[in-house]
């Protein structure tokens, strides 16, 4: 059963304009990419953002693409056992 992850970011007390990002992934031990990375490296301090190739711009397409790049790096370069 796949996970559907949603991230909503908004500015100010009224949630508009809002950025909504979503991603469908295969089952894994964590629904959160950051927690998944911390589990792979066995350290709670670092984050995964250095694995992104696309710059973090808060644009939903750029952010989703960067997160997908990081997930692929974890799968191909770090030995994450996940079926995509």
PDB file of N, CA and C in Angstrom:
ATOM      1  N   UNK A   1       0.841  -1.180   0.000  1.00  0.00           N
ATOM      2  CA  UNK A   1       0.000   0.000   0.000  1.00  0.00           C
ATOM      3  C   UNK A   1       0.884   1.240   0.000  1.00  0.00           C
ATOM      4  N   UNK A   2       0.738   2.144  -0.954  1.00  0.00           N
ATOM      5  CA  UNK A   2       1.588   3.327  -1.010  1.00  0.00           C
ATOM      6  C   UNK A   2       1.194   4.366   0.034  1.00  0.00           C
ATOM      7  N   UNK A   3       2.169   5.181   0.391  1.00  0.00           N
ATOM      8  CA  UNK A   3       1.934   6.322   1.262  1.00  0.00           C
ATOM      9  C   UNK A   3       1.687   7.546   0.403  1.00  0.00           C
ATOM     10  N   UNK A   4       0.825   8.420   0.836  1.00  0.00           N
ATOM     11  CA  UNK A   4       0.641   9.722   0.196  1.00  0.00           C
ATOM     12  C   UNK A   4       1.084  10.754   1.202  1.00  0.00           C
ATOM     13  N   UNK A   5       2.132  11.512   0.870  1.00  0.00           N
ATOM     14  CA  UNK A   5       2.670  12.529   1.767  1.00  0.00           C
ATOM     15  C   UNK A   5       2.253  13.897   1.262  1.00  0.00           C
ATOM     16  N   UNK A   6       1.790  14.746   2.163  1.00  0.00           N
ATOM     17  CA  UNK A   6       1.353  16.087   1.811  1.00  0.00           C
ATOM     18  C   UNK A   6       2.065  17.076   2.711  1.00  0.00           C
ATOM     19  N   UNK A   7       2.568  18.156   2.139  1.00  0.00           N
ATOM     20  CA  UNK A   7       3.220  19.231   2.875  1.00  0.00           C
ATOM     21  C   UNK A   7       2.533  20.523   2.473  1.00  0.00           C
ATOM     22  N   UNK A   8       2.036  21.267   3.452  1.00  0.00           N
ATOM     23  CA  UNK A   8       1.366  22.537   3.180  1.00  0.00           C
ATOM     24  C   UNK A   8       2.124  23.637   3.893  1.00  0.00           C
ATOM     25  N   UNK A   9       2.525  24.661   3.154  1.00  0.00           N
ATOM     26  CA  UNK A   9       3.210  25.815   3.723  1.00  0.00           C
ATOM     27  C   UNK A   9       2.403  27.055   3.393  1.00  0.00           C
ATOM     28  N   UNK A  10       2.245  27.923   4.384  1.00  0.00           N
ATOM     29  CA  UNK A  10       1.506  29.159   4.139  1.00  0.00           C
ATOM     30  C   UNK A  10       2.203  30.310   4.837  1.00  0.00           C
ATOM     31  N   UNK A  11       1.905  31.511   4.407  1.00  0.00           N
ATOM     32  CA  UNK A  11       2.467  32.716   5.003  1.00  0.00           C
ATOM     33  C   UNK A  11       1.378  33.436   5.787  1.00  0.00           C
ATOM     34  N   UNK A  12       1.659  33.761   7.038  1.00  0.00           N
ATOM     35  CA  UNK A  12       0.719  34.546   7.826  1.00  0.00           C
ATOM     36  C   UNK A  12      -0.389  33.718   8.442  1.00  0.00           C
ATOM     37  N   UNK A  13      -1.289  34.395   9.163  1.00  0.00           N
ATOM     38  CA  UNK A  13      -2.340  33.682   9.883  1.00  0.00           C
ATOM     39  C   UNK A  13      -3.443  33.116   8.989  1.00  0.00           C
ATOM     40  N   UNK A  14      -3.582  33.630   7.789  1.00  0.00           N
ATOM     41  CA  UNK A  14      -4.590  33.125   6.857  1.00  0.00           C
ATOM     42  C   UNK A  14      -3.867  32.236   5.851  1.00  0.00           C
ATOM     43  N   UNK A  15      -4.278  30.996   5.690  1.00  0.00           N
ATOM     44  CA  UNK A  15      -3.537  30.071   4.826  1.00  0.00           C
ATOM     45  C   UNK A  15      -3.698  30.347   3.334  1.00  0.00           C
ATOM     46  N   UNK A  16      -3.386  31.560   2.936  1.00  0.00           N
ATOM     47  CA  UNK A  16      -3.426  31.892   1.524  1.00  0.00           C
ATOM     48  C   UNK A  16      -2.437  33.015   1.288  1.00  0.00           C
ATOM     49  N   UNK A  17      -1.542  33.008   0.348  1.00  0.00           N
ATOM     50  CA  UNK A  17      -1.350  31.901  -0.579  1.00  0.00           C
ATOM     51  C   UNK A  17      -0.667  30.725   0.109  1.00  0.00           C
ATOM     52  N   UNK A  18      -0.969  29.560  -0.325  1.00  0.00           N
ATOM     53  CA  UNK A  18      -0.399  28.344   0.256  1.00  0.00           C
ATOM     54  C   UNK A  18       0.304  27.538  -0.820  1.00  0.00           C
ATOM     55  N   UNK A  19       1.327  26.844  -0.413  1.00  0.00           N
ATOM     56  CA  UNK A  19       2.034  25.924  -1.286  1.00  0.00           C
ATOM     57  C   UNK A  19       1.689  24.522  -0.821  1.00  0.00           C
ATOM     58  N   UNK A  20       1.183  23.724  -1.700  1.00  0.00           N
ATOM     59  CA  UNK A  20       0.833  22.348  -1.352  1.00  0.00           C
ATOM     60  C   UNK A  20       1.694  21.418  -2.198  1.00  0.00           C
ATOM     61  N   UNK A  21       2.437  20.554  -1.521  1.00  0.00           N
ATOM     62  CA  UNK A  21       3.263  19.571  -2.205  1.00  0.00           C
ATOM     63  C   UNK A  21       2.739  18.191  -1.837  1.00  0.00           C
ATOM     64  N   UNK A  22       2.813  17.293  -2.762  1.00  0.00           N
ATOM     65  CA  UNK A  22       2.402  15.928  -2.446  1.00  0.00           C
ATOM     66  C   UNK A  22       3.288  14.960  -3.197  1.00  0.00           C
ATOM     67  N   UNK A  23       3.354  13.777  -2.673  1.00  0.00           N
ATOM     68  CA  UNK A  23       4.199  12.748  -3.261  1.00  0.00           C
ATOM     69  C   UNK A  23       3.604  11.393  -2.911  1.00  0.00           C
ATOM     70  N   UNK A  24       3.608  10.483  -3.836  1.00  0.00           N
ATOM     71  CA  UNK A  24       3.169   9.112  -3.575  1.00  0.00           C
ATOM     72  C   UNK A  24       4.416   8.248  -3.568  1.00  0.00           C
ATOM     73  N   UNK A  25       4.587   7.482  -2.504  1.00  0.00           N
ATOM     74  CA  UNK A  25       5.771   6.636  -2.417  1.00  0.00           C
ATOM     75  C   UNK A  25       5.379   5.223  -2.031  1.00  0.00           C
ATOM     76  N   UNK A  26       6.302   4.335  -2.251  1.00  0.00           N
ATOM     77  CA  UNK A  26       6.092   2.951  -1.840  1.00  0.00           C
ATOM     78  C   UNK A  26       6.207   2.866  -0.322  1.00  0.00           C
ATOM     79  N   UNK A  27       5.717   1.808   0.273  1.00  0.00           N
ATOM     80  CA  UNK A  27       5.806   1.663   1.722  1.00  0.00           C
ATOM     81  C   UNK A  27       7.252   1.702   2.199  1.00  0.00           C
ATOM     82  N   UNK A  28       7.469   2.343   3.303  1.00  0.00           N
ATOM     83  CA  UNK A  28       8.780   2.389   3.921  1.00  0.00           C
ATOM     84  C   UNK A  28       8.587   2.529   5.420  1.00  0.00           C
ATOM     85  N   UNK A  29       9.676   2.524   6.171  1.00  0.00           N
ATOM     86  CA  UNK A  29       9.568   2.550   7.616  1.00  0.00           C
ATOM     87  C   UNK A  29       9.214   3.930   8.143  1.00  0.00           C
ATOM     88  N   UNK A  30       9.241   4.939   7.302  1.00  0.00           N
ATOM     89  CA  UNK A  30       8.948   6.295   7.756  1.00  0.00           C
ATOM     90  C   UNK A  30       8.189   7.037   6.670  1.00  0.00           C
ATOM     91  N   UNK A  31       7.239   7.858   7.076  1.00  0.00           N
ATOM     92  CA  UNK A  31       6.500   8.682   6.127  1.00  0.00           C
ATOM     93  C   UNK A  31       7.220  10.001   5.887  1.00  0.00           C
ATOM     94  N   UNK A  32       8.271  10.258   6.636  1.00  0.00           N
ATOM     95  CA  UNK A  32       8.965  11.531   6.574  1.00  0.00           C
ATOM     96  C   UNK A  32      10.351  11.318   5.996  1.00  0.00           C
ATOM     97  N   UNK A  33      10.668  12.035   4.935  1.00  0.00           N
ATOM     98  CA  UNK A  33      11.953  11.869   4.249  1.00  0.00           C
ATOM     99  C   UNK A  33      13.128  12.189   5.162  1.00  0.00           C
ATOM    100  N   UNK A  34      12.988  13.222   5.994  1.00  0.00           N
ATOM    101  CA  UNK A  34      14.058  13.576   6.921  1.00  0.00           C
ATOM    102  C   UNK A  34      14.317  12.477   7.931  1.00  0.00           C
ATOM    103  N   UNK A  35      13.255  11.911   8.480  1.00  0.00           N
ATOM    104  CA  UNK A  35      13.412  10.819   9.442  1.00  0.00           C
ATOM    105  C   UNK A  35      13.984   9.579   8.772  1.00  0.00           C
ATOM    106  N   UNK A  36      13.589   9.347   7.539  1.00  0.00           N
ATOM    107  CA  UNK A  36      14.116   8.214   6.794  1.00  0.00           C
ATOM    108  C   UNK A  36      15.625   8.358   6.616  1.00  0.00           C
ATOM    109  N   UNK A  37      16.074   9.565   6.250  1.00  0.00           N
ATOM    110  CA  UNK A  37      17.514   9.816   6.077  1.00  0.00           C
ATOM    111  C   UNK A  37      18.256   9.628   7.396  1.00  0.00           C
ATOM    112  N   UNK A  38      17.715  10.162   8.474  1.00  0.00           N
ATOM    113  CA  UNK A  38      18.362  10.038   9.786  1.00  0.00           C
ATOM    114  C   UNK A  38      18.492   8.578  10.186  1.00  0.00           C
ATOM    115  N   UNK A  39      17.506   7.773   9.838  1.00  0.00           N
ATOM    116  CA  UNK A  39      17.597   6.347  10.113  1.00  0.00           C
ATOM    117  C   UNK A  39      18.673   5.671   9.280  1.00  0.00           C
ATOM    118  N   UNK A  40      18.830   6.091   8.035  1.00  0.00           N
ATOM    119  CA  UNK A  40      19.860   5.496   7.172  1.00  0.00           C
ATOM    120  C   UNK A  40      21.264   5.794   7.677  1.00  0.00           C
ATOM    121  N   UNK A  41      21.478   7.036   8.123  1.00  0.00           N
ATOM    122  CA  UNK A  41      22.821   7.419   8.578  1.00  0.00           C
ATOM    123  C   UNK A  41      23.023   7.149  10.060  1.00  0.00           C
ATOM    124  N   UNK A  42      21.942   6.710  10.750  1.00  0.00           N
ATOM    125  CA  UNK A  42      21.979   6.385  12.172  1.00  0.00           C
ATOM    126  C   UNK A  42      22.469   7.555  13.017  1.00  0.00           C
ATOM    127  N   UNK A  43      21.926   8.734  12.707  1.00  0.00           N
ATOM    128  CA  UNK A  43      22.263   9.964  13.438  1.00  0.00           C
ATOM    129  C   UNK A  43      21.058  10.885  13.362  1.00  0.00           C
ATOM    130  N   UNK A  44      20.667  11.476  14.474  1.00  0.00           N
ATOM    131  CA  UNK A  44      19.475  12.330  14.483  1.00  0.00           C
ATOM    132  C   UNK A  44      19.776  13.777  14.138  1.00  0.00           C
ATOM    133  N   UNK A  45      21.032  14.136  13.932  1.00  0.00           N
ATOM    134  CA  UNK A  45      21.384  15.539  13.670  1.00  0.00           C
ATOM    135  C   UNK A  45      21.278  15.977  12.208  1.00  0.00           C
ATOM    136  N   UNK A  46      21.827  15.236  11.243  1.00  0.00           N
ATOM    137  CA  UNK A  46      21.878  15.750   9.871  1.00  0.00           C
ATOM    138  C   UNK A  46      20.516  15.737   9.175  1.00  0.00           C
ATOM    139  N   UNK A  47      20.429  16.520   8.097  1.00  0.00           N
ATOM    140  CA  UNK A  47      19.224  16.454   7.264  1.00  0.00           C
ATOM    141  C   UNK A  47      19.620  16.036   5.851  1.00  0.00           C
ATOM    142  N   UNK A  48      18.626  15.750   5.043  1.00  0.00           N
ATOM    143  CA  UNK A  48      18.845  15.178   3.710  1.00  0.00           C
ATOM    144  C   UNK A  48      19.014  16.231   2.623  1.00  0.00           C
ATOM    145  N   UNK A  49      18.854  17.505   2.921  1.00  0.00           N
ATOM    146  CA  UNK A  49      18.739  18.535   1.878  1.00  0.00           C
ATOM    147  C   UNK A  49      19.975  18.643   0.986  1.00  0.00           C
ATOM    148  N   UNK A  50      21.140  18.228   1.481  1.00  0.00           N
ATOM    149  CA  UNK A  50      22.336  18.275   0.644  1.00  0.00           C
ATOM    150  C   UNK A  50      22.292  17.237  -0.485  1.00  0.00           C
ATOM    151  N   UNK A  51      21.358  16.290  -0.410  1.00  0.00           N
ATOM    152  CA  UNK A  51      21.217  15.273  -1.454  1.00  0.00           C
ATOM    153  C   UNK A  51      20.415  15.772  -2.647  1.00  0.00           C
ATOM    154  N   UNK A  52      19.754  16.911  -2.482  1.00  0.00           N
ATOM    155  CA  UNK A  52      18.943  17.486  -3.557  1.00  0.00           C
ATOM    156  C   UNK A  52      19.849  18.075  -4.635  1.00  0.00           C
ATOM    157  N   UNK A  53      19.448  17.965  -5.878  1.00  0.00           N
ATOM    158  CA  UNK A  53      20.163  18.636  -6.973  1.00  0.00           C
ATOM    159  C   UNK A  53      19.450  19.937  -7.343  1.00  0.00           C
ATOM    160  N   UNK A  54      18.141  19.945  -7.249  1.00  0.00           N
ATOM    161  CA  UNK A  54      17.342  21.127  -7.560  1.00  0.00           C
ATOM    162  C   UNK A  54      17.308  22.039  -6.336  1.00  0.00           C
ATOM    163  N   UNK A  55      17.556  23.313  -6.551  1.00  0.00           N
ATOM    164  CA  UNK A  55      17.590  24.277  -5.457  1.00  0.00           C
ATOM    165  C   UNK A  55      16.222  24.408  -4.800  1.00  0.00           C
ATOM    166  N   UNK A  56      16.217  24.570  -3.478  1.00  0.00           N
ATOM    167  CA  UNK A  56      14.975  24.733  -2.724  1.00  0.00           C
ATOM    168  C   UNK A  56      14.465  26.164  -2.910  1.00  0.00           C
ATOM    169  N   UNK A  57      13.373  26.323  -3.641  1.00  0.00           N
ATOM    170  CA  UNK A  57      12.848  27.652  -3.980  1.00  0.00           C
ATOM    171  C   UNK A  57      11.478  27.919  -3.377  1.00  0.00           C
ATOM    172  N   UNK A  58      10.908  26.968  -2.671  1.00  0.00           N
ATOM    173  CA  UNK A  58       9.538  27.015  -2.151  1.00  0.00           C
ATOM    174  C   UNK A  58       8.500  26.945  -3.266  1.00  0.00           C
ATOM    175  N   UNK A  59       8.931  26.702  -4.486  1.00  0.00           N
ATOM    176  CA  UNK A  59       7.993  26.442  -5.579  1.00  0.00           C
ATOM    177  C   UNK A  59       7.661  24.953  -5.503  1.00  0.00           C
ATOM    178  N   UNK A  60       6.376  24.591  -5.541  1.00  0.00           N
ATOM    179  CA  UNK A  60       6.014  23.196  -5.319  1.00  0.00           C
ATOM    180  C   UNK A  60       6.664  22.212  -6.274  1.00  0.00           C
ATOM    181  N   UNK A  61       6.859  22.595  -7.526  1.00  0.00           N
ATOM    182  CA  UNK A  61       7.482  21.675  -8.482  1.00  0.00           C
ATOM    183  C   UNK A  61       8.961  21.495  -8.159  1.00  0.00           C
ATOM    184  N   UNK A  62       9.667  22.598  -7.888  1.00  0.00           N
ATOM    185  CA  UNK A  62      11.087  22.507  -7.541  1.00  0.00           C
ATOM    186  C   UNK A  62      11.294  21.701  -6.267  1.00  0.00           C
ATOM    187  N   UNK A  63      10.457  21.951  -5.269  1.00  0.00           N
ATOM    188  CA  UNK A  63      10.612  21.263  -3.996  1.00  0.00           C
ATOM    189  C   UNK A  63      10.306  19.771  -4.120  1.00  0.00           C
ATOM    190  N   UNK A  64       9.264  19.424  -4.839  1.00  0.00           N
ATOM    191  CA  UNK A  64       8.938  18.011  -5.039  1.00  0.00           C
ATOM    192  C   UNK A  64      10.029  17.312  -5.845  1.00  0.00           C
ATOM    193  N   UNK A  65      10.559  17.998  -6.860  1.00  0.00           N
ATOM    194  CA  UNK A  65      11.627  17.423  -7.676  1.00  0.00           C
ATOM    195  C   UNK A  65      12.884  17.198  -6.828  1.00  0.00           C
ATOM    196  N   UNK A  66      13.239  18.172  -6.015  1.00  0.00           N
ATOM    197  CA  UNK A  66      14.407  18.030  -5.147  1.00  0.00           C
ATOM    198  C   UNK A  66      14.249  16.899  -4.144  1.00  0.00           C
ATOM    199  N   UNK A  67      13.053  16.773  -3.570  1.00  0.00           N
ATOM    200  CA  UNK A  67      12.810  15.691  -2.622  1.00  0.00           C
ATOM    201  C   UNK A  67      12.878  14.330  -3.312  1.00  0.00           C
ATOM    202  N   UNK A  68      12.373  14.254  -4.544  1.00  0.00           N
ATOM    203  CA  UNK A  68      12.457  13.002  -5.309  1.00  0.00           C
ATOM    204  C   UNK A  68      13.920  12.671  -5.613  1.00  0.00           C
ATOM    205  N   UNK A  69      14.716  13.682  -5.935  1.00  0.00           N
ATOM    206  CA  UNK A  69      16.144  13.466  -6.192  1.00  0.00           C
ATOM    207  C   UNK A  69      16.838  12.921  -4.947  1.00  0.00           C
ATOM    208  N   UNK A  70      16.501  13.478  -3.795  1.00  0.00           N
ATOM    209  CA  UNK A  70      17.094  13.007  -2.544  1.00  0.00           C
ATOM    210  C   UNK A  70      16.689  11.564  -2.267  1.00  0.00           C
ATOM    211  N   UNK A  71      15.418  11.235  -2.484  1.00  0.00           N
ATOM    212  CA  UNK A  71      14.949   9.865  -2.273  1.00  0.00           C
ATOM    213  C   UNK A  71      15.657   8.898  -3.214  1.00  0.00           C
ATOM    214  N   UNK A  72      15.826   9.282  -4.479  1.00  0.00           N
ATOM    215  CA  UNK A  72      16.540   8.414  -5.425  1.00  0.00           C
ATOM    216  C   UNK A  72      17.987   8.215  -5.003  1.00  0.00           C
ATOM    217  N   UNK A  73      18.625   9.268  -4.491  1.00  0.00           N
ATOM    218  CA  UNK A  73      20.005   9.134  -4.018  1.00  0.00           C
ATOM    219  C   UNK A  73      20.070   8.157  -2.840  1.00  0.00           C
ATOM    220  N   UNK A  74      19.095   8.255  -1.930  1.00  0.00           N
ATOM    221  CA  UNK A  74      19.066   7.331  -0.800  1.00  0.00           C
ATOM    222  C   UNK A  74      18.902   5.890  -1.288  1.00  0.00           C
ATOM    223  N   UNK A  75      18.095   5.712  -2.317  1.00  0.00           N
ATOM    224  CA  UNK A  75      17.853   4.368  -2.855  1.00  0.00           C
ATOM    225  C   UNK A  75      19.076   3.843  -3.599  1.00  0.00           C
ATOM    226  N   UNK A  76      19.622   4.647  -4.503  1.00  0.00           N
ATOM    227  CA  UNK A  76      20.701   4.182  -5.375  1.00  0.00           C
ATOM    228  C   UNK A  76      22.079   4.326  -4.765  1.00  0.00           C
ATOM    229  N   UNK A  77      22.290   5.371  -3.960  1.00  0.00           N
ATOM    230  CA  UNK A  77      23.629   5.639  -3.442  1.00  0.00           C
ATOM    231  C   UNK A  77      23.853   5.217  -2.012  1.00  0.00           C
ATOM    232  N   UNK A  78      22.764   4.985  -1.272  1.00  0.00           N
ATOM    233  CA  UNK A  78      22.918   4.669   0.149  1.00  0.00           C
ATOM    234  C   UNK A  78      22.334   3.301   0.503  1.00  0.00           C
ATOM    235  N   UNK A  79      21.792   2.596  -0.475  1.00  0.00           N
ATOM    236  CA  UNK A  79      21.318   1.250  -0.247  1.00  0.00           C
ATOM    237  C   UNK A  79      19.927   1.125   0.368  1.00  0.00           C
ATOM    238  N   UNK A  80      19.117   2.181   0.255  1.00  0.00           N
ATOM    239  CA  UNK A  80      17.758   2.109   0.764  1.00  0.00           C
ATOM    240  C   UNK A  80      16.989   1.048  -0.001  1.00  0.00           C
ATOM    241  N   UNK A  81      16.406   0.125   0.700  1.00  0.00           N
ATOM    242  CA  UNK A  81      15.637  -0.957   0.063  1.00  0.00           C
ATOM    243  C   UNK A  81      14.185  -0.515  -0.030  1.00  0.00           C
ATOM    244  N   UNK A  82      13.813   0.052  -1.175  1.00  0.00           N
ATOM    245  CA  UNK A  82      12.466   0.529  -1.399  1.00  0.00           C
ATOM    246  C   UNK A  82      12.130   0.332  -2.871  1.00  0.00           C
ATOM    247  N   UNK A  83      10.937  -0.080  -3.153  1.00  0.00           N
ATOM    248  CA  UNK A  83      10.502  -0.268  -4.540  1.00  0.00           C
ATOM    249  C   UNK A  83       9.719   0.974  -4.968  1.00  0.00           C
ATOM    250  N   UNK A  84      10.170   1.614  -6.012  1.00  0.00           N
ATOM    251  CA  UNK A  84       9.503   2.805  -6.513  1.00  0.00           C
ATOM    252  C   UNK A  84       8.765   2.515  -7.799  1.00  0.00           C
TER     253      UNK A  84
END
